[in-house]
PDB file of N, CA and C in Angstrom:
ATOM      1  N   MET A   1       0.672  -1.177  -0.203  1.00  0.00           N
ATOM      2  CA  MET A   1       0.065  -0.185  -0.065  1.00  0.00           C
ATOM      3  C   MET A   1       1.011   1.205   0.219  1.00  0.00           C
ATOM      4  N   ILE A   2       0.049   2.364  -0.684  1.00  0.00           N
ATOM      5  CA  ILE A   2       0.920   3.193  -0.827  1.00  0.00           C
ATOM      6  C   ILE A   2       0.625   4.387   0.372  1.00  0.00           C
ATOM      7  N   THR A   3       1.594   4.949   0.271  1.00  0.00           N
ATOM      8  CA  THR A   3       1.083   6.051   2.056  1.00  0.00           C
ATOM      9  C   THR A   3       1.651   7.456   1.039  1.00  0.00           C
ATOM     10  N   ASN A   4       0.441   8.368   1.918  1.00  0.00           N
ATOM     11  CA  ASN A   4       0.701   9.959   1.601  1.00  0.00           C
ATOM     12  C   ASN A   4       0.318   9.592   0.195  1.00  0.00           C
ATOM     13  N   ILE A   5      -0.636   9.268   0.103  1.00  0.00           N
ATOM     14  CA  ILE A   5      -1.793  10.031  -1.548  1.00  0.00           C
ATOM     15  C   ILE A   5      -2.833  10.341  -1.171  1.00  0.00           C
ATOM     16  N   SER A   6      -2.639  11.862  -1.952  1.00  0.00           N
ATOM     17  CA  SER A   6      -4.343  12.319  -1.594  1.00  0.00           C
ATOM     18  C   SER A   6      -5.621  11.935  -2.228  1.00  0.00           C
ATOM     19  N   VAL A   7      -6.127  11.426  -1.809  1.00  0.00           N
ATOM     20  CA  VAL A   7      -7.522  10.438  -1.988  1.00  0.00           C
ATOM     21  C   VAL A   7      -8.526  11.085  -2.039  1.00  0.00           C
ATOM     22  N   ARG A   8      -9.137  11.311  -2.731  1.00  0.00           N
ATOM     23  CA  ARG A   8     -10.275  12.173  -2.649  1.00  0.00           C
ATOM     24  C   ARG A   8     -11.804  11.204  -2.928  1.00  0.00           C
ATOM     25  N   PRO A   9     -12.999  11.208  -2.055  1.00  0.00           N
ATOM     26  CA  PRO A   9     -14.103  10.471  -2.654  1.00  0.00           C
ATOM     27  C   PRO A   9     -14.839  10.755  -4.291  1.00  0.00           C
ATOM     28  N   TYR A  10     -15.129   9.224  -4.456  1.00  0.00           N
ATOM     29  CA  TYR A  10     -15.824  10.186  -5.857  1.00  0.00           C
ATOM     30  C   TYR A  10     -16.746  10.572  -5.418  1.00  0.00           C
ATOM     31  N   ARG A  11     -17.297  11.941  -6.049  1.00  0.00           N
ATOM     32  CA  ARG A  11     -18.557  12.908  -5.735  1.00  0.00           C
ATOM     33  C   ARG A  11     -19.766  12.294  -7.952  1.00  0.00           C
ATOM     34  N   SER A  12     -20.638  11.977  -7.533  1.00  0.00           N
ATOM     35  CA  SER A  12     -21.366  11.354  -8.630  1.00  0.00           C
ATOM     36  C   SER A  12     -21.277  13.534  -9.731  1.00  0.00           C
ATOM     37  N   ALA A  13     -21.983  13.897 -11.183  1.00  0.00           N
ATOM     38  CA  ALA A  13     -21.718  14.907 -11.534  1.00  0.00           C
ATOM     39  C   ALA A  13     -23.235  15.382 -10.938  1.00  0.00           C
ATOM     40  N   CYS A  14     -24.187  14.250 -10.650  1.00  0.00           N
ATOM     41  CA  CYS A  14     -25.910  15.034 -10.328  1.00  0.00           C
ATOM     42  C   CYS A  14     -25.098  15.389  -9.144  1.00  0.00           C
ATOM     43  N   ASN A  15     -24.791  15.035  -8.436  1.00  0.00           N
ATOM     44  CA  ASN A  15     -24.673  15.885  -6.874  1.00  0.00           C
ATOM     45  C   ASN A  15     -23.830  16.866  -6.888  1.00  0.00           C
ATOM     46  N   ALA A  16     -23.307  17.304  -8.122  1.00  0.00           N
ATOM     47  CA  ALA A  16     -22.605  18.215  -8.302  1.00  0.00           C
ATOM     48  C   ALA A  16     -23.264  20.008  -8.854  1.00  0.00           C
ATOM     49  N   SER A  17     -24.197  19.288  -9.650  1.00  0.00           N
ATOM     50  CA  SER A  17     -24.916  19.867 -10.284  1.00  0.00           C
ATOM     51  C   SER A  17     -25.957  20.232  -9.941  1.00  0.00           C
ATOM     52  N   LEU A  18     -26.929  20.113  -8.934  1.00  0.00           N
ATOM     53  CA  LEU A  18     -27.500  19.793  -7.520  1.00  0.00           C
ATOM     54  C   LEU A  18     -26.792  21.304  -6.584  1.00  0.00           C
ATOM     55  N   ALA A  19     -25.786  21.216  -6.168  1.00  0.00           N
ATOM     56  CA  ALA A  19     -24.955  22.016  -5.304  1.00  0.00           C
ATOM     57  C   ALA A  19     -24.585  23.169  -6.548  1.00  0.00           C
ATOM     58  N   ARG A  20     -24.515  23.358  -7.256  1.00  0.00           N
ATOM     59  CA  ARG A  20     -24.918  24.616  -8.051  1.00  0.00           C
ATOM     60  C   ARG A  20     -26.200  24.922  -8.115  1.00  0.00           C
ATOM     61  N   ARG A  21     -26.941  24.403  -8.490  1.00  0.00           N
ATOM     62  CA  ARG A  21     -28.378  25.095  -8.431  1.00  0.00           C
ATOM     63  C   ARG A  21     -28.999  25.398  -7.454  1.00  0.00           C
ATOM     64  N   LYS A  22     -28.644  25.245  -5.529  1.00  0.00           N
ATOM     65  CA  LYS A  22     -28.662  25.494  -4.367  1.00  0.00           C
ATOM     66  C   LYS A  22     -28.236  27.038  -4.572  1.00  0.00           C
ATOM     67  N   VAL A  23     -27.103  27.451  -5.323  1.00  0.00           N
ATOM     68  CA  VAL A  23     -26.167  28.447  -5.036  1.00  0.00           C
ATOM     69  C   VAL A  23     -26.778  29.661  -5.982  1.00  0.00           C
ATOM     70  N   ARG A  24     -27.281  29.307  -7.142  1.00  0.00           N
ATOM     71  CA  ARG A  24     -28.180  30.037  -8.600  1.00  0.00           C
ATOM     72  C   ARG A  24     -29.420  30.502  -7.828  1.00  0.00           C
ATOM     73  N   ARG A  25     -30.566  30.044  -7.238  1.00  0.00           N
ATOM     74  CA  ARG A  25     -31.490  30.358  -6.976  1.00  0.00           C
ATOM     75  C   ARG A  25     -31.127  31.410  -6.329  1.00  0.00           C
ATOM     76  N   LYS A  26     -31.987  32.618  -7.138  1.00  0.00           N
ATOM     77  CA  LYS A  26     -32.289  33.898  -6.799  1.00  0.00           C
ATOM     78  C   LYS A  26     -33.251  34.395  -5.168  1.00  0.00           C
ATOM     79  N   SER A  27     -33.434  35.135  -4.727  1.00  0.00           N
ATOM     80  CA  SER A  27     -34.674  35.430  -3.574  1.00  0.00           C
ATOM     81  C   SER A  27     -35.560  35.291  -4.267  1.00  0.00           C
ATOM     82  N   LEU A  28     -36.904  35.346  -2.934  1.00  0.00           N
ATOM     83  CA  LEU A  28     -38.036  34.935  -3.442  1.00  0.00           C
ATOM     84  C   LEU A  28     -38.580  36.721  -3.576  1.00  0.00           C
ATOM     85  N   ALA A  29     -38.353  37.558  -3.380  1.00  0.00           N
ATOM     86  CA  ALA A  29     -38.333  39.079  -3.624  1.00  0.00           C
ATOM     87  C   ALA A  29     -38.455  39.239  -4.892  1.00  0.00           C
ATOM     88  N   ILE A  30     -39.712  39.674  -5.070  1.00  0.00           N
ATOM     89  CA  ILE A  30     -39.873  40.476  -6.647  1.00  0.00           C
ATOM     90  C   ILE A  30     -39.765  41.729  -6.986  1.00  0.00           C
ATOM     91  N   SER A  31     -38.629  42.164  -7.552  1.00  0.00           N
ATOM     92  CA  SER A  31     -38.649  43.479  -7.878  1.00  0.00           C
ATOM     93  C   SER A  31     -39.253  43.869  -9.630  1.00  0.00           C
ATOM     94  N   PRO A  32     -40.342  44.465  -9.240  1.00  0.00           N
ATOM     95  CA  PRO A  32     -40.616  44.942 -10.755  1.00  0.00           C
ATOM     96  C   PRO A  32     -39.172  45.717 -11.833  1.00  0.00           C
ATOM     97  N   PRO A  33     -39.476  45.802 -13.131  1.00  0.00           N
ATOM     98  CA  PRO A  33     -38.336  46.833 -13.848  1.00  0.00           C
ATOM     99  C   PRO A  33     -38.216  47.828 -13.752  1.00  0.00           C
ATOM    100  N   LYS A  34     -37.729  48.209 -13.941  1.00  0.00           N
ATOM    101  CA  LYS A  34     -37.109  50.228 -13.128  1.00  0.00           C
ATOM    102  C   LYS A  34     -38.285  51.127 -14.262  1.00  0.00           C
ATOM    103  N   GLN A  35     -38.675  50.706 -15.471  1.00  0.00           N
ATOM    104  CA  GLN A  35     -39.153  51.070 -16.334  1.00  0.00           C
ATOM    105  C   GLN A  35     -40.773  51.133 -15.877  1.00  0.00           C
ATOM    106  N   ILE A  36     -41.019  50.205 -14.813  1.00  0.00           N
ATOM    107  CA  ILE A  36     -42.291  50.349 -14.799  1.00  0.00           C
ATOM    108  C   ILE A  36     -42.943  51.037 -13.176  1.00  0.00           C
ATOM    109  N   GLN A  37     -41.723  50.724 -12.870  1.00  0.00           N
ATOM    110  CA  GLN A  37     -41.793  51.867 -10.954  1.00  0.00           C
ATOM    111  C   GLN A  37     -42.407  52.357 -11.415  1.00  0.00           C
ATOM    112  N   ARG A  38     -42.029  53.364 -12.232  1.00  0.00           N
ATOM    113  CA  ARG A  38     -43.088  55.009 -11.718  1.00  0.00           C
ATOM    114  C   ARG A  38     -44.288  55.129 -12.053  1.00  0.00           C
ATOM    115  N   PRO A  39     -44.889  54.408 -13.585  1.00  0.00           N
ATOM    116  CA  PRO A  39     -46.326  54.648 -13.177  1.00  0.00           C
ATOM    117  C   PRO A  39     -46.947  53.726 -12.575  1.00  0.00           C
ATOM    118  N   LEU A  40     -45.873  52.689 -12.103  1.00  0.00           N
ATOM    119  CA  LEU A  40     -47.274  51.323 -10.905  1.00  0.00           C
ATOM    120  C   LEU A  40     -46.865  52.382  -9.503  1.00  0.00           C
ATOM    121  N   ALA A  41     -46.317  53.268  -9.075  1.00  0.00           N
ATOM    122  CA  ALA A  41     -46.243  54.538  -8.093  1.00  0.00           C
ATOM    123  C   ALA A  41     -47.377  55.245  -8.235  1.00  0.00           C
ATOM    124  N   ALA A  42     -47.208  55.657  -9.278  1.00  0.00           N
ATOM    125  CA  ALA A  42     -48.370  56.780  -9.573  1.00  0.00           C
ATOM    126  C   ALA A  42     -49.502  55.790  -9.427  1.00  0.00           C
ATOM    127  N   ILE A  43     -49.787  54.415  -9.849  1.00  0.00           N
ATOM    128  CA  ILE A  43     -51.149  54.083 -10.061  1.00  0.00           C
ATOM    129  C   ILE A  43     -51.583  53.708  -8.527  1.00  0.00           C
ATOM    130  N   LEU A  44     -50.721  53.494  -8.026  1.00  0.00           N
ATOM    131  CA  LEU A  44     -50.766  53.028  -6.129  1.00  0.00           C
ATOM    132  C   LEU A  44     -51.068  54.314  -5.591  1.00  0.00           C
ATOM    133  N   ILE A  45     -50.082  55.169  -5.863  1.00  0.00           N
ATOM    134  CA  ILE A  45     -50.501  56.706  -5.204  1.00  0.00           C
ATOM    135  C   ILE A  45     -52.027  57.023  -5.308  1.00  0.00           C
ATOM    136  N   GLY A  46     -52.539  57.284  -6.639  1.00  0.00           N
ATOM    137  CA  GLY A  46     -53.268  57.343  -7.021  1.00  0.00           C
ATOM    138  C   GLY A  46     -54.950  56.106  -6.726  1.00  0.00           C
ATOM    139  N   VAL A  47     -54.363  54.968  -6.600  1.00  0.00           N
ATOM    140  CA  VAL A  47     -55.409  54.762  -5.532  1.00  0.00           C
ATOM    141  C   VAL A  47     -55.826  55.278  -3.996  1.00  0.00           C
ATOM    142  N   LEU A  48     -54.725  55.226  -4.072  1.00  0.00           N
ATOM    143  CA  LEU A  48     -54.588  55.259  -2.295  1.00  0.00           C
ATOM    144  C   LEU A  48     -55.452  56.745  -2.193  1.00  0.00           C
ATOM    145  N   LEU A  49     -54.966  58.075  -2.948  1.00  0.00           N
ATOM    146  CA  LEU A  49     -55.998  58.837  -2.862  1.00  0.00           C
ATOM    147  C   LEU A  49     -57.237  58.649  -3.339  1.00  0.00           C
ATOM    148  N   VAL A  50     -57.597  57.916  -4.043  1.00  0.00           N
ATOM    149  CA  VAL A  50     -59.605  57.522  -4.230  1.00  0.00           C
ATOM    150  C   VAL A  50     -59.860  57.165  -3.076  1.00  0.00           C
ATOM    151  N   VAL A  51     -59.414  55.739  -2.686  1.00  0.00           N
ATOM    152  CA  VAL A  51     -59.939  55.050  -1.212  1.00  0.00           C
ATOM    153  C   VAL A  51     -59.984  56.485  -0.042  1.00  0.00           C
ATOM    154  N   ALA A  52     -58.827  57.329   0.257  1.00  0.00           N
ATOM    155  CA  ALA A  52     -59.143  58.326   1.308  1.00  0.00           C
ATOM    156  C   ALA A  52     -59.915  59.214   0.795  1.00  0.00           C
ATOM    157  N   GLY A  53     -60.380  59.717  -0.286  1.00  0.00           N
ATOM    158  CA  GLY A  53     -61.371  60.638  -0.657  1.00  0.00           C
ATOM    159  C   GLY A  53     -62.889  59.421  -0.540  1.00  0.00           C
ATOM    160  N   THR A  54     -62.806  58.369  -0.925  1.00  0.00           N
ATOM    161  CA  THR A  54     -64.000  57.433  -0.384  1.00  0.00           C
ATOM    162  C   THR A  54     -64.244  58.043   0.529  1.00  0.00           C
ATOM    163  N   SER A  55     -63.552  57.088   1.514  1.00  0.00           N
ATOM    164  CA  SER A  55     -63.568  56.652   3.151  1.00  0.00           C
ATOM    165  C   SER A  55     -63.982  58.340   3.843  1.00  0.00           C
ATOM    166  N   GLN A  56     -63.110  59.220   3.033  1.00  0.00           N
ATOM    167  CA  GLN A  56     -64.026  60.536   3.268  1.00  0.00           C
ATOM    168  C   GLN A  56     -65.296  61.178   3.600  1.00  0.00           C
ATOM    169  N   LEU A  57     -65.638  60.926   2.557  1.00  0.00           N
ATOM    170  CA  LEU A  57     -67.278  60.977   1.929  1.00  0.00           C
ATOM    171  C   LEU A  57     -67.980  60.470   2.067  1.00  0.00           C
ATOM    172  N   PHE A  58     -67.611  58.842   2.832  1.00  0.00           N
ATOM    173  CA  PHE A  58     -68.631  58.550   4.117  1.00  0.00           C
ATOM    174  C   PHE A  58     -68.655  58.801   4.709  1.00  0.00           C
ATOM    175  N   SER A  59     -67.217  58.962   5.718  1.00  0.00           N
ATOM    176  CA  SER A  59     -67.363  59.884   6.669  1.00  0.00           C
ATOM    177  C   SER A  59     -68.407  60.886   6.924  1.00  0.00           C
ATOM    178  N   TRP A  60     -68.164  61.839   5.595  1.00  0.00           N
ATOM    179  CA  TRP A  60     -69.420  63.032   6.075  1.00  0.00           C
ATOM    180  C   TRP A  60     -70.747  62.396   5.826  1.00  0.00           C
ATOM    181  N   GLN A  61     -70.620  61.875   5.091  1.00  0.00           N
ATOM    182  CA  GLN A  61     -72.412  60.992   5.287  1.00  0.00           C
ATOM    183  C   GLN A  61     -72.828  60.696   6.003  1.00  0.00           C
ATOM    184  N   ILE A  62     -72.054  60.163   6.789  1.00  0.00           N
ATOM    185  CA  ILE A  62     -72.516  59.275   8.496  1.00  0.00           C
ATOM    186  C   ILE A  62     -72.746  60.370   9.581  1.00  0.00           C
ATOM    187  N   GLN A  63     -71.786  61.599   9.088  1.00  0.00           N
ATOM    188  CA  GLN A  63     -71.999  62.687   9.959  1.00  0.00           C
ATOM    189  C   GLN A  63     -73.424  63.227  10.090  1.00  0.00           C
ATOM    190  N   ARG A  64     -73.765  63.930   8.700  1.00  0.00           N
ATOM    191  CA  ARG A  64     -74.572  64.009   8.144  1.00  0.00           C
ATOM    192  C   ARG A  64     -76.222  63.097   9.123  1.00  0.00           C
ATOM    193  N   THR A  65     -76.019  61.892   8.906  1.00  0.00           N
ATOM    194  CA  THR A  65     -77.088  60.608   9.236  1.00  0.00           C
ATOM    195  C   THR A  65     -76.729  61.065  10.840  1.00  0.00           C
ATOM    196  N   GLN A  66     -75.816  60.855  11.039  1.00  0.00           N
ATOM    197  CA  GLN A  66     -76.394  61.192  13.117  1.00  0.00           C
ATOM    198  C   GLN A  66     -76.814  62.289  13.360  1.00  0.00           C
ATOM    199  N   GLN A  67     -76.297  63.686  12.540  1.00  0.00           N
ATOM    200  CA  GLN A  67     -77.176  64.655  12.904  1.00  0.00           C
ATOM    201  C   GLN A  67     -78.764  64.719  13.010  1.00  0.00           C
ATOM    202  N   MET A  68     -79.131  63.822  11.671  1.00  0.00           N
ATOM    203  CA  MET A  68     -80.352  64.062  11.461  1.00  0.00           C
ATOM    204  C   MET A  68     -81.223  63.477  12.452  1.00  0.00           C
ATOM    205  N   LEU A  69     -80.443  61.698  12.886  1.00  0.00           N
ATOM    206  CA  LEU A  69     -80.571  61.177  13.740  1.00  0.00           C
ATOM    207  C   LEU A  69     -81.285  61.694  14.829  1.00  0.00           C
ATOM    208  N   GLN A  70     -79.787  62.996  15.746  1.00  0.00           N
ATOM    209  CA  GLN A  70     -80.349  63.259  16.734  1.00  0.00           C
ATOM    210  C   GLN A  70     -81.111  64.592  16.451  1.00  0.00           C
ATOM    211  N   GLN A  71     -81.920  65.085  15.752  1.00  0.00           N
ATOM    212  CA  GLN A  71     -82.900  65.585  15.655  1.00  0.00           C
ATOM    213  C   GLN A  71     -84.390  64.614  15.516  1.00  0.00           C
ATOM    214  N   VAL A  72     -84.342  64.363  15.203  1.00  0.00           N
ATOM    215  CA  VAL A  72     -85.203  62.883  14.932  1.00  0.00           C
ATOM    216  C   VAL A  72     -85.893  62.757  15.997  1.00  0.00           C
ATOM    217  N   GLN A  73     -85.011  62.151  17.275  1.00  0.00           N
ATOM    218  CA  GLN A  73     -84.859  61.414  18.088  1.00  0.00           C
ATOM    219  C   GLN A  73     -85.177  62.697  19.885  1.00  0.00           C
ATOM    220  N   GLN A  74     -84.822  64.287  19.283  1.00  0.00           N
ATOM    221  CA  GLN A  74     -85.219  65.013  20.236  1.00  0.00           C
ATOM    222  C   GLN A  74     -86.779  65.509  19.278  1.00  0.00           C
ATOM    223  N   GLN A  75     -87.115  65.410  18.278  1.00  0.00           N
ATOM    224  CA  GLN A  75     -88.689  65.286  18.084  1.00  0.00           C
ATOM    225  C   GLN A  75     -89.259  64.485  18.720  1.00  0.00           C
ATOM    226  N   GLN A  76     -89.157  63.080  18.558  1.00  0.00           N
ATOM    227  CA  GLN A  76     -89.982  62.195  19.311  1.00  0.00           C
ATOM    228  C   GLN A  76     -90.085  62.620  20.713  1.00  0.00           C
ATOM    229  N   LYS A  77     -88.469  62.998  20.814  1.00  0.00           N
ATOM    230  CA  LYS A  77     -88.596  63.338  22.491  1.00  0.00           C
ATOM    231  C   LYS A  77     -90.002  64.644  23.107  1.00  0.00           C
ATOM    232  N   VAL A  78     -89.899  65.618  22.465  1.00  0.00           N
ATOM    233  CA  VAL A  78     -91.018  66.318  22.704  1.00  0.00           C
ATOM    234  C   VAL A  78     -92.213  66.387  21.952  1.00  0.00           C
ATOM    235  N   LEU A  79     -92.074  64.973  21.042  1.00  0.00           N
ATOM    236  CA  LEU A  79     -93.774  64.500  20.902  1.00  0.00           C
ATOM    237  C   LEU A  79     -94.313  63.219  22.027  1.00  0.00           C
ATOM    238  N   ASP A  80     -93.477  63.119  22.615  1.00  0.00           N
ATOM    239  CA  ASP A  80     -93.439  61.816  23.504  1.00  0.00           C
ATOM    240  C   ASP A  80     -93.977  62.394  25.024  1.00  0.00           C
ATOM    241  N   ASP A  81     -93.190  63.819  25.005  1.00  0.00           N
ATOM    242  CA  ASP A  81     -93.812  64.740  26.407  1.00  0.00           C
ATOM    243  C   ASP A  81     -95.132  65.172  26.316  1.00  0.00           C
ATOM    244  N   LEU A  82     -95.149  65.795  24.581  1.00  0.00           N
ATOM    245  CA  LEU A  82     -96.538  66.272  24.456  1.00  0.00           C
ATOM    246  C   LEU A  82     -97.963  64.875  24.767  1.00  0.00           C
ATOM    247  N   HIS A  83     -97.619  64.002  24.422  1.00  0.00           N
ATOM    248  CA  HIS A  83     -98.357  62.718  24.480  1.00  0.00           C
ATOM    249  C   HIS A  83     -98.420  62.228  26.049  1.00  0.00           C
ATOM    250  N   MET A  84     -97.822  62.616  26.131  1.00  0.00           N
ATOM    251  CA  MET A  84     -98.065  61.993  28.234  1.00  0.00           C
ATOM    252  C   MET A  84     -98.847  63.596  28.520  1.00  0.00           C
ATOM    253  N   VAL A  85     -98.426  64.831  28.512  1.00  0.00           N
ATOM    254  CA  VAL A  85     -99.937  65.907  28.797  1.00  0.00           C
ATOM    255  C   VAL A  85    -101.036  65.118  28.819  1.00  0.00           C
ATOM    256  N   LEU A  86    -101.301  65.067  27.463  1.00  0.00           N
ATOM    257  CA  LEU A  86    -102.631  64.414  26.831  1.00  0.00           C
ATOM    258  C   LEU A  86    -103.177  63.483  27.248  1.00  0.00           C
ATOM    259  N   LEU A  87    -102.597  62.741  27.118  1.00  0.00           N
ATOM    260  CA  LEU A  87    -103.177  61.475  28.046  1.00  0.00           C
ATOM    261  C   LEU A  87    -103.772  61.801  29.574  1.00  0.00           C
ATOM    262  N   ALA A  88    -103.066  62.782  29.845  1.00  0.00           N
ATOM    263  CA  ALA A  88    -103.402  62.969  31.715  1.00  0.00           C
ATOM    264  C   ALA A  88    -104.685  63.510  31.304  1.00  0.00           C
ATOM    265  N   LYS A  89    -104.758  65.014  30.418  1.00  0.00           N
ATOM    266  CA  LYS A  89    -105.168  65.812  30.481  1.00  0.00           C
ATOM    267  C   LYS A  89    -107.186  64.852  30.300  1.00  0.00           C
ATOM    268  N   ARG A  90    -106.667  63.839  29.233  1.00  0.00           N
ATOM    269  CA  ARG A  90    -108.336  62.988  28.602  1.00  0.00           C
ATOM    270  C   ARG A  90    -108.535  61.874  29.880  1.00  0.00           C
ATOM    271  N   ALA A  91    -107.429  61.740  30.764  1.00  0.00           N
ATOM    272  CA  ALA A  91    -107.607  61.519  31.854  1.00  0.00           C
ATOM    273  C   ALA A  91    -108.786  62.120  32.758  1.00  0.00           C
ATOM    274  N   GLN A  92    -108.130  63.327  33.028  1.00  0.00           N
ATOM    275  CA  GLN A  92    -109.131  63.850  33.904  1.00  0.00           C
ATOM    276  C   GLN A  92    -110.532  64.392  33.099  1.00  0.00           C
ATOM    277  N   LEU A  93    -110.141  64.541  31.564  1.00  0.00           N
ATOM    278  CA  LEU A  93    -111.627  64.796  31.392  1.00  0.00           C
ATOM    279  C   LEU A  93    -112.199  63.232  31.018  1.00  0.00           C
ATOM    280  N   THR A  94    -112.423  62.527  31.348  1.00  0.00           N
ATOM    281  CA  THR A  94    -112.890  60.939  31.316  1.00  0.00           C
ATOM    282  C   THR A  94    -113.140  60.288  32.824  1.00  0.00           C
ATOM    283  N   SER A  95    -112.658  61.426  33.472  1.00  0.00           N
ATOM    284  CA  SER A  95    -113.166  60.824  35.312  1.00  0.00           C
ATOM    285  C   SER A  95    -114.628  60.911  36.046  1.00  0.00           C
ATOM    286  N   GLU A  96    -114.570  60.037  36.623  1.00  0.00           N
ATOM    287  CA  GLU A  96    -116.775  60.476  36.914  1.00  0.00           C
ATOM    288  C   GLU A  96    -116.493  61.401  37.481  1.00  0.00           C
ATOM    289  N   SER A  97    -115.942  61.957  39.040  1.00  0.00           N
ATOM    290  CA  SER A  97    -116.300  62.810  39.399  1.00  0.00           C
ATOM    291  C   SER A  97    -116.359  64.273  38.188  1.00  0.00           C
ATOM    292  N   HIS A  98    -115.593  64.833  37.199  1.00  0.00           N
ATOM    293  CA  HIS A  98    -115.635  66.050  36.350  1.00  0.00           C
ATOM    294  C   HIS A  98    -116.992  65.161  35.075  1.00  0.00           C
ATOM    295  N   ILE A  99    -117.159  64.218  34.697  1.00  0.00           N
ATOM    296  CA  ILE A  99    -118.292  64.105  34.225  1.00  0.00           C
ATOM    297  C   ILE A  99    -119.685  64.545  35.064  1.00  0.00           C
ATOM    298  N   GLN A 100    -119.426  63.864  36.065  1.00  0.00           N
ATOM    299  CA  GLN A 100    -120.759  64.501  37.065  1.00  0.00           C
ATOM    300  C   GLN A 100    -121.218  65.638  37.484  1.00  0.00           C
ATOM    301  N   ALA A 101    -119.735  66.304  37.200  1.00  0.00           N
ATOM    302  CA  ALA A 101    -119.962  67.775  37.624  1.00  0.00           C
ATOM    303  C   ALA A 101    -120.614  68.773  36.518  1.00  0.00           C
ATOM    304  N   LEU A 102    -120.447  68.323  35.469  1.00  0.00           N
ATOM    305  CA  LEU A 102    -120.546  68.609  34.044  1.00  0.00           C
ATOM    306  C   LEU A 102    -121.687  68.668  33.719  1.00  0.00           C
ATOM    307  N   ALA A 103    -122.201  67.563  34.199  1.00  0.00           N
ATOM    308  CA  ALA A 103    -123.670  67.439  33.885  1.00  0.00           C
ATOM    309  C   ALA A 103    -124.575  68.117  34.933  1.00  0.00           C
ATOM    310  N   GLY A 104    -124.128  68.162  35.764  1.00  0.00           N
ATOM    311  CA  GLY A 104    -124.990  69.023  36.784  1.00  0.00           C
ATOM    312  C   GLY A 104    -124.625  70.328  36.433  1.00  0.00           C
ATOM    313  N   ALA A 105    -123.995  70.797  36.319  1.00  0.00           N
ATOM    314  CA  ALA A 105    -123.784  72.241  35.749  1.00  0.00           C
ATOM    315  C   ALA A 105    -124.431  72.544  34.422  1.00  0.00           C
ATOM    316  N   ARG A 106    -124.246  71.652  33.536  1.00  0.00           N
ATOM    317  CA  ARG A 106    -124.884  72.224  32.250  1.00  0.00           C
ATOM    318  C   ARG A 106    -126.395  71.495  31.656  1.00  0.00           C
ATOM    319  N   LEU A 107    -126.382  70.303  32.720  1.00  0.00           N
ATOM    320  CA  LEU A 107    -127.712  69.875  31.946  1.00  0.00           C
ATOM    321  C   LEU A 107    -128.828  69.800  33.291  1.00  0.00           C
ATOM    322  N   GLU A 108    -128.535  70.030  34.419  1.00  0.00           N
ATOM    323  CA  GLU A 108    -128.994  69.259  35.560  1.00  0.00           C
ATOM    324  C   GLU A 108    -129.449  68.700  35.779  1.00  0.00           C
ATOM    325  N   LEU A 109    -128.130  67.882  35.732  1.00  0.00           N
ATOM    326  CA  LEU A 109    -128.992  66.011  36.287  1.00  0.00           C
ATOM    327  C   LEU A 109    -127.298  65.611  37.138  1.00  0.00           C
ATOM    328  N   TYR A 110    -128.159  64.876  38.286  1.00  0.00           N
ATOM    329  CA  TYR A 110    -127.293  64.791  39.692  1.00  0.00           C
ATOM    330  C   TYR A 110    -127.389  63.529  39.893  1.00  0.00           C
ATOM    331  N   VAL A 111    -126.424  62.281  40.321  1.00  0.00           N
ATOM    332  CA  VAL A 111    -126.547  61.334  40.758  1.00  0.00           C
ATOM    333  C   VAL A 111    -127.520  61.032  41.756  1.00  0.00           C
ATOM    334  N   PRO A 112    -128.215  60.546  41.499  1.00  0.00           N
ATOM    335  CA  PRO A 112    -129.450  60.665  42.870  1.00  0.00           C
ATOM    336  C   PRO A 112    -129.651  59.707  44.680  1.00  0.00           C
ATOM    337  N   ALA A 113    -129.493  60.332  45.463  1.00  0.00           N
ATOM    338  CA  ALA A 113    -129.048  60.161  46.817  1.00  0.00           C
ATOM    339  C   ALA A 113    -129.268  58.304  46.915  1.00  0.00           C
ATOM    340  N   GLN A 114    -128.521  58.428  48.109  1.00  0.00           N
ATOM    341  CA  GLN A 114    -128.874  56.516  48.307  1.00  0.00           C
ATOM    342  C   GLN A 114    -130.643  56.634  49.305  1.00  0.00           C
ATOM    343  N   GLY A 115    -131.366  55.999  48.771  1.00  0.00           N
ATOM    344  CA  GLY A 115    -132.286  55.851  49.152  1.00  0.00           C
ATOM    345  C   GLY A 115    -133.218  57.109  48.557  1.00  0.00           C
ATOM    346  N   GLN A 116    -133.148  57.738  47.555  1.00  0.00           N
ATOM    347  CA  GLN A 116    -133.922  58.412  46.713  1.00  0.00           C
ATOM    348  C   GLN A 116    -135.095  58.005  46.038  1.00  0.00           C
ATOM    349  N   VAL A 117    -136.225  58.197  46.005  1.00  0.00           N
ATOM    350  CA  VAL A 117    -137.009  57.569  44.584  1.00  0.00           C
ATOM    351  C   VAL A 117    -136.883  58.229  43.344  1.00  0.00           C
ATOM    352  N   HIS A 118    -136.497  57.849  42.455  1.00  0.00           N
ATOM    353  CA  HIS A 118    -136.762  58.489  40.867  1.00  0.00           C
ATOM    354  C   HIS A 118    -137.250  57.632  39.536  1.00  0.00           C
ATOM    355  N   GLN A 119    -138.031  58.508  39.581  1.00  0.00           N
ATOM    356  CA  GLN A 119    -138.586  58.054  38.455  1.00  0.00           C
ATOM    357  C   GLN A 119    -138.041  58.469  37.111  1.00  0.00           C
ATOM    358  N   MET A 120    -138.974  57.195  35.843  1.00  0.00           N
ATOM    359  CA  MET A 120    -138.215  57.097  35.076  1.00  0.00           C
ATOM    360  C   MET A 120    -139.404  57.199  33.757  1.00  0.00           C
TER     361      MET A 120
END
């Protein structure tokens, strides 16, 4: 046996090509060509402005709707208060004591006393 001879292990050609392929791979970050970057940036800025404008428009519309809703709620509260006053007035006008007093004053009709004889 011969000593001090450098021996290299056998590598197949297949393994060497795989190693080269790994080195040649590009990163996954995709960068558009320089000639497309400016128009693409302009389009993105335009889309951003359109989205911001649309959201501002919707915001104004929502604020206007909220103001109208508050006005309607205030009107509803006033109407509810007036309704309560009218219900109280109706209860007073339809009470038995008020009707008896009104019939006695206008038509001279009175409730007969207990034990009083009345004719029909």
